[in-house]
Amino acid sequence: MNSSLLLEPLLEPDPNPDSAVPPPVTNEDENDDENLDVEEKVQIEEPAQAPPPLPIEKVAEEDKRRPHPVKRALYKVFPFLEKREDLRRVTANDRTGNAGYKYADNVVVSAKYNILTFVPLNLFEQFMRVANIYFLALVILQSIPQISSVPYYTTLIPLIIVLLITAIKDGYDDIKRHVSDYQINNRHVTVLSGTGLMEVKWKDVRVGDVLKLKNDESVTADLLLLSSSEPNSLVFIETAELD
């Protein structure tokens, strides 16, 4: 008797459990994965670059401009000691408006003395020298009989002669400075006044004036070049007097 036997194959256990089929992904899981990716991207982004450091020269200049800590402390206690430069505004060809800022004039003064200040200032400068102070102290000591038996005029007369010779020399040099200042201050220069040109003296030039200088003419003051008749607006300046 032939009989057939139907056998069903038995499922053998998978030796690799990790290879199991993953569960289906829902929309919530996809959103979580996207959020994680965004957070990772945000964390991976490079930080903003810091500004480049200042060059050593600029740092040194800023340090020089800063006052000393002792000076800063004094400025806090005595604010009037700190000299602050206000904002400077200059309008070209406007003497009336520039006069309100009280800028310095263009008068050249190189002389040290005048008729009233010559004697006191010259004596003060001469007695700033150690030798003159020494001889003056010697004259004072010799004028006391208990200290010295030498008459004081033996030292006083040579000291007076030295002071007189030095004063004459300083006075002569200062007279030459006065003459030079007078000549420089009374030179003439062409200035734009309104819509026309006029001749004024150097000492009457003010901040904001527009000047017209010709070839081989001395420069009146610190100027800003606006235009030149030379090609490409070139200007050649001789600085022999400054050097």
Protein backbone atom coordinates (compact mmCIF):
# COMPACT_ATOMS: atom_id res chain seq x y z
CA MET A 1 0.00 0.00 0.00
CA ASN A 2 1.48 3.11 -1.15
CA SER A 3 0.89 6.10 1.02
CA SER A 4 2.19 9.59 0.51
CA LEU A 5 3.34 11.71 3.39
CA LEU A 6 3.22 15.50 3.07
CA LEU A 7 5.94 17.09 5.03
CA GLU A 8 6.20 20.86 5.61
CA PRO A 9 9.67 22.27 5.81
CA LEU A 10 10.59 23.55 9.21
CA LEU A 11 11.87 27.11 9.48
CA GLU A 12 15.35 27.09 10.85
CA PRO A 13 16.38 29.97 13.17
CA ASP A 14 18.45 32.72 11.48
CA PRO A 15 22.01 32.60 12.72
CA ASN A 16 22.33 36.42 12.27
CA PRO A 17 19.67 38.05 14.38
CA ASP A 18 20.76 41.55 13.24
CA SER A 19 19.65 40.81 9.75
CA ALA A 20 16.07 40.72 10.84
CA VAL A 21 13.70 42.86 8.87
CA PRO A 22 13.34 46.27 10.56
CA PRO A 23 9.93 47.48 11.51
CA PRO A 24 8.23 49.91 9.20
CA VAL A 25 9.23 53.58 9.68
CA THR A 26 6.44 55.93 10.58
CA ASN A 27 6.15 59.65 9.85
CA GLU A 28 7.09 60.53 13.43
CA ASP A 29 10.33 58.59 13.15
CA GLU A 30 11.16 60.39 9.88
CA ASN A 31 10.58 63.76 11.53
CA ASP A 32 12.85 62.80 14.43
CA ASP A 33 15.58 61.77 12.00
CA GLU A 34 15.28 65.06 10.15
CA ASN A 35 15.52 67.02 13.42
CA LEU A 36 18.62 65.08 14.39
CA ASP A 37 20.19 65.80 11.01
CA VAL A 38 19.45 69.53 11.41
CA GLU A 39 20.98 69.57 14.91
CA GLU A 40 24.06 67.78 13.65
CA LYS A 41 24.38 70.25 10.78
CA VAL A 42 24.09 73.17 13.17
CA GLN A 43 26.75 71.73 15.42
CA ILE A 44 29.06 71.01 12.49
CA GLU A 45 28.92 74.55 11.16
CA GLU A 46 32.22 76.41 11.67
CA PRO A 47 32.21 79.31 14.12
CA ALA A 48 32.47 82.85 12.78
CA GLN A 49 36.04 83.95 12.23
CA ALA A 50 37.35 86.51 14.69
CA PRO A 51 38.58 89.85 13.28
CA PRO A 52 42.29 89.83 12.46
CA PRO A 53 44.52 91.28 15.18
CA LEU A 54 45.81 94.79 14.77
CA PRO A 55 49.36 95.21 13.50
CA ILE A 56 52.03 95.81 16.10
CA GLU A 57 52.58 99.35 14.84
CA LYS A 58 48.92 100.33 15.32
CA VAL A 59 48.82 98.75 18.77
CA ALA A 60 51.93 100.70 19.75
CA GLU A 61 50.38 103.94 18.46
CA GLU A 62 47.19 103.34 20.44
CA ASP A 63 49.22 102.63 23.57
CA LYS A 64 51.08 105.90 23.12
CA ARG A 65 47.83 107.81 22.79
CA ARG A 66 46.47 106.38 25.99
CA PRO A 67 47.45 108.44 29.02
CA HIS A 68 49.50 106.96 31.82
CA PRO A 69 47.46 105.39 34.67
CA VAL A 70 48.70 108.10 37.02
CA LYS A 71 47.57 110.77 34.57
CA ARG A 72 44.17 109.10 34.19
CA ALA A 73 43.75 109.17 37.95
CA LEU A 74 44.68 112.86 38.04
CA TYR A 75 42.27 113.61 35.20
CA LYS A 76 39.45 112.00 37.16
CA VAL A 77 40.19 114.17 40.19
CA PHE A 78 41.10 117.31 38.23
CA PRO A 79 39.30 117.18 34.85
CA PHE A 80 40.54 120.64 33.85
CA LEU A 81 44.08 119.28 33.54
CA GLU A 82 43.18 117.12 30.56
CA LYS A 83 43.60 118.89 27.25
CA ARG A 84 40.96 117.74 24.79
CA GLU A 85 40.94 118.89 21.20
CA ASP A 86 37.47 119.73 19.98
CA LEU A 87 36.23 118.78 16.56
CA ARG A 88 37.79 121.05 13.97
CA ARG A 89 35.52 122.28 11.20
CA VAL A 90 36.97 124.37 8.39
CA THR A 91 34.96 125.97 5.60
CA ALA A 92 36.90 127.15 2.57
CA ASN A 93 36.74 130.89 1.83
CA ASP A 94 34.58 131.62 4.89
CA ARG A 95 36.46 133.76 7.39
CA THR A 96 33.36 134.67 9.34
CA GLY A 97 32.38 131.05 9.99
CA ASN A 98 35.92 129.89 10.77
CA ALA A 99 36.48 132.77 13.17
CA GLY A 100 34.05 131.18 15.63
CA TYR A 101 36.47 128.28 16.27
CA LYS A 102 39.31 130.65 17.33
CA TYR A 103 42.03 129.02 15.28
CA ALA A 104 45.62 130.20 15.57
CA ASP A 105 46.70 133.06 13.32
CA ASN A 106 49.56 132.97 10.84
CA VAL A 107 51.89 135.37 12.66
CA VAL A 108 55.47 134.07 12.86
CA VAL A 109 57.17 134.77 16.21
CA SER A 110 60.65 133.36 16.67
CA ALA A 111 61.99 136.08 18.99
CA LYS A 112 62.27 135.24 22.66
CA TYR A 113 62.32 138.69 24.27
CA ASN A 114 60.79 142.13 24.06
CA ILE A 115 61.76 145.41 25.74
CA LEU A 116 60.02 144.54 29.01
CA THR A 117 60.94 140.86 29.32
CA PHE A 118 64.56 140.97 28.12
CA VAL A 119 66.29 141.63 31.46
CA PRO A 120 64.32 139.20 33.71
CA LEU A 121 64.12 136.38 31.16
CA ASN A 122 67.76 136.67 30.14
CA LEU A 123 68.97 136.66 33.74
CA PHE A 124 66.74 133.68 34.50
CA GLU A 125 68.17 131.75 31.55
CA GLN A 126 71.75 132.62 32.48
CA PHE A 127 71.34 131.55 36.09
CA MET A 128 69.98 128.22 34.91
CA ARG A 129 73.62 127.37 34.20
CA VAL A 130 75.48 125.63 36.98
CA ALA A 131 78.62 127.79 36.62
CA ASN A 132 76.73 131.05 37.13
CA ILE A 133 74.90 129.64 40.15
CA TYR A 134 78.21 128.52 41.63
CA PHE A 135 79.81 131.98 41.28
CA LEU A 136 76.70 133.67 42.65
CA ALA A 137 76.79 131.42 45.74
CA LEU A 138 80.50 132.17 46.08
CA VAL A 139 79.83 135.91 46.02
CA ILE A 140 77.19 135.52 48.76
CA LEU A 141 79.60 133.54 50.95
CA GLN A 142 82.44 136.00 50.37
CA SER A 143 80.22 138.87 51.42
CA ILE A 144 80.08 137.39 54.96
CA PRO A 145 83.23 138.46 56.86
CA GLN A 146 83.03 135.57 59.36
CA ILE A 147 83.30 133.04 56.54
CA SER A 148 85.71 134.53 54.01
CA SER A 149 88.55 137.04 54.21
CA VAL A 150 88.55 137.60 50.43
CA PRO A 151 86.50 140.62 49.31
CA TYR A 152 83.39 139.65 47.42
CA TYR A 153 83.95 142.06 44.51
CA THR A 154 86.87 139.93 43.33
CA THR A 155 84.29 137.37 42.20
CA LEU A 156 81.34 139.72 41.60
CA ILE A 157 83.04 141.85 38.95
CA PRO A 158 84.02 138.91 36.67
CA LEU A 159 80.53 137.46 37.09
CA ILE A 160 78.89 140.75 36.05
CA ILE A 161 81.19 141.00 33.02
CA VAL A 162 80.26 137.48 31.91
CA LEU A 163 76.55 138.20 32.37
CA LEU A 164 76.77 141.46 30.41
CA ILE A 165 78.65 139.89 27.49
CA THR A 166 76.16 137.03 27.30
CA ALA A 167 73.21 139.45 27.53
CA ILE A 168 74.60 141.60 24.71
CA LYS A 169 75.07 138.53 22.52
CA ASP A 170 71.55 137.24 23.26
CA GLY A 171 70.07 140.67 22.64
CA TYR A 172 71.80 141.00 19.28
CA ASP A 173 70.60 137.57 18.18
CA ASP A 174 67.07 138.39 19.28
CA ILE A 175 67.08 141.66 17.34
CA LYS A 176 67.91 139.71 14.20
CA ARG A 177 64.99 137.38 14.96
CA HIS A 178 62.65 140.37 15.27
CA VAL A 179 63.83 141.69 11.89
CA SER A 180 63.36 138.27 10.28
CA ASP A 181 59.88 137.91 11.79
CA TYR A 182 58.91 141.35 10.50
CA GLN A 183 60.06 140.53 6.97
CA ILE A 184 58.28 137.17 6.90
CA ASN A 185 55.01 138.46 8.37
CA ASN A 186 54.84 141.33 5.88
CA ARG A 187 55.28 139.25 2.74
CA HIS A 188 52.33 139.34 0.36
CA VAL A 189 50.29 136.46 -1.00
CA THR A 190 47.23 136.24 -3.25
CA VAL A 191 44.04 135.16 -1.47
CA LEU A 192 40.60 134.35 -2.83
CA SER A 193 38.12 136.79 -1.29
CA GLY A 194 34.53 136.11 -2.28
CA THR A 195 34.72 135.76 -6.04
CA GLY A 196 37.89 137.81 -6.61
CA LEU A 197 41.56 137.79 -5.71
CA MET A 198 43.32 140.20 -3.37
CA GLU A 199 46.80 140.71 -1.93
CA VAL A 200 47.19 140.27 1.84
CA LYS A 201 50.13 139.97 4.19
CA TRP A 202 51.22 136.62 5.52
CA LYS A 203 50.26 137.56 9.05
CA ASP A 204 46.69 138.25 7.87
CA VAL A 205 46.17 134.76 6.37
CA ARG A 206 43.56 132.75 8.25
CA VAL A 207 42.51 129.11 8.43
CA GLY A 208 40.26 128.24 5.49
CA ASP A 209 41.67 130.83 3.07
CA VAL A 210 42.20 129.73 -0.53
CA LEU A 211 45.65 130.89 -1.67
CA LYS A 212 47.19 131.21 -5.11
CA LEU A 213 50.93 130.57 -5.21
CA LYS A 214 53.15 131.23 -8.20
CA ASN A 215 56.31 129.53 -9.36
CA ASP A 216 59.34 130.01 -7.05
CA GLU A 217 57.13 131.62 -4.40
CA SER A 218 57.55 130.76 -0.73
CA VAL A 219 54.83 128.70 0.92
CA THR A 220 52.81 130.86 3.29
CA ALA A 221 51.61 128.19 5.74
CA ASP A 222 50.55 124.53 5.93
CA LEU A 223 48.51 124.16 2.76
CA LEU A 224 46.30 121.57 1.11
CA LEU A 225 46.83 121.36 -2.66
CA LEU A 226 43.60 121.82 -4.59
CA SER A 227 44.85 122.29 -8.15
CA SER A 228 47.99 122.93 -10.17
CA SER A 229 48.74 124.27 -13.64
CA GLU A 230 51.31 121.53 -14.20
CA PRO A 231 50.41 118.32 -16.09
CA ASN A 232 48.74 115.75 -13.85
CA SER A 233 48.53 118.47 -11.14
CA LEU A 234 52.11 117.82 -10.02
CA VAL A 235 53.86 120.18 -7.64
CA PHE A 236 57.54 120.18 -6.67
CA ILE A 237 58.42 121.76 -3.33
CA GLU A 238 61.87 122.68 -2.09
CA THR A 239 62.27 122.00 1.64
CA ALA A 240 65.74 123.49 2.12
CA GLU A 241 64.54 125.87 4.83
CA LEU A 242 62.92 123.03 6.77
CA ASP A 243 65.91 120.70 6.50
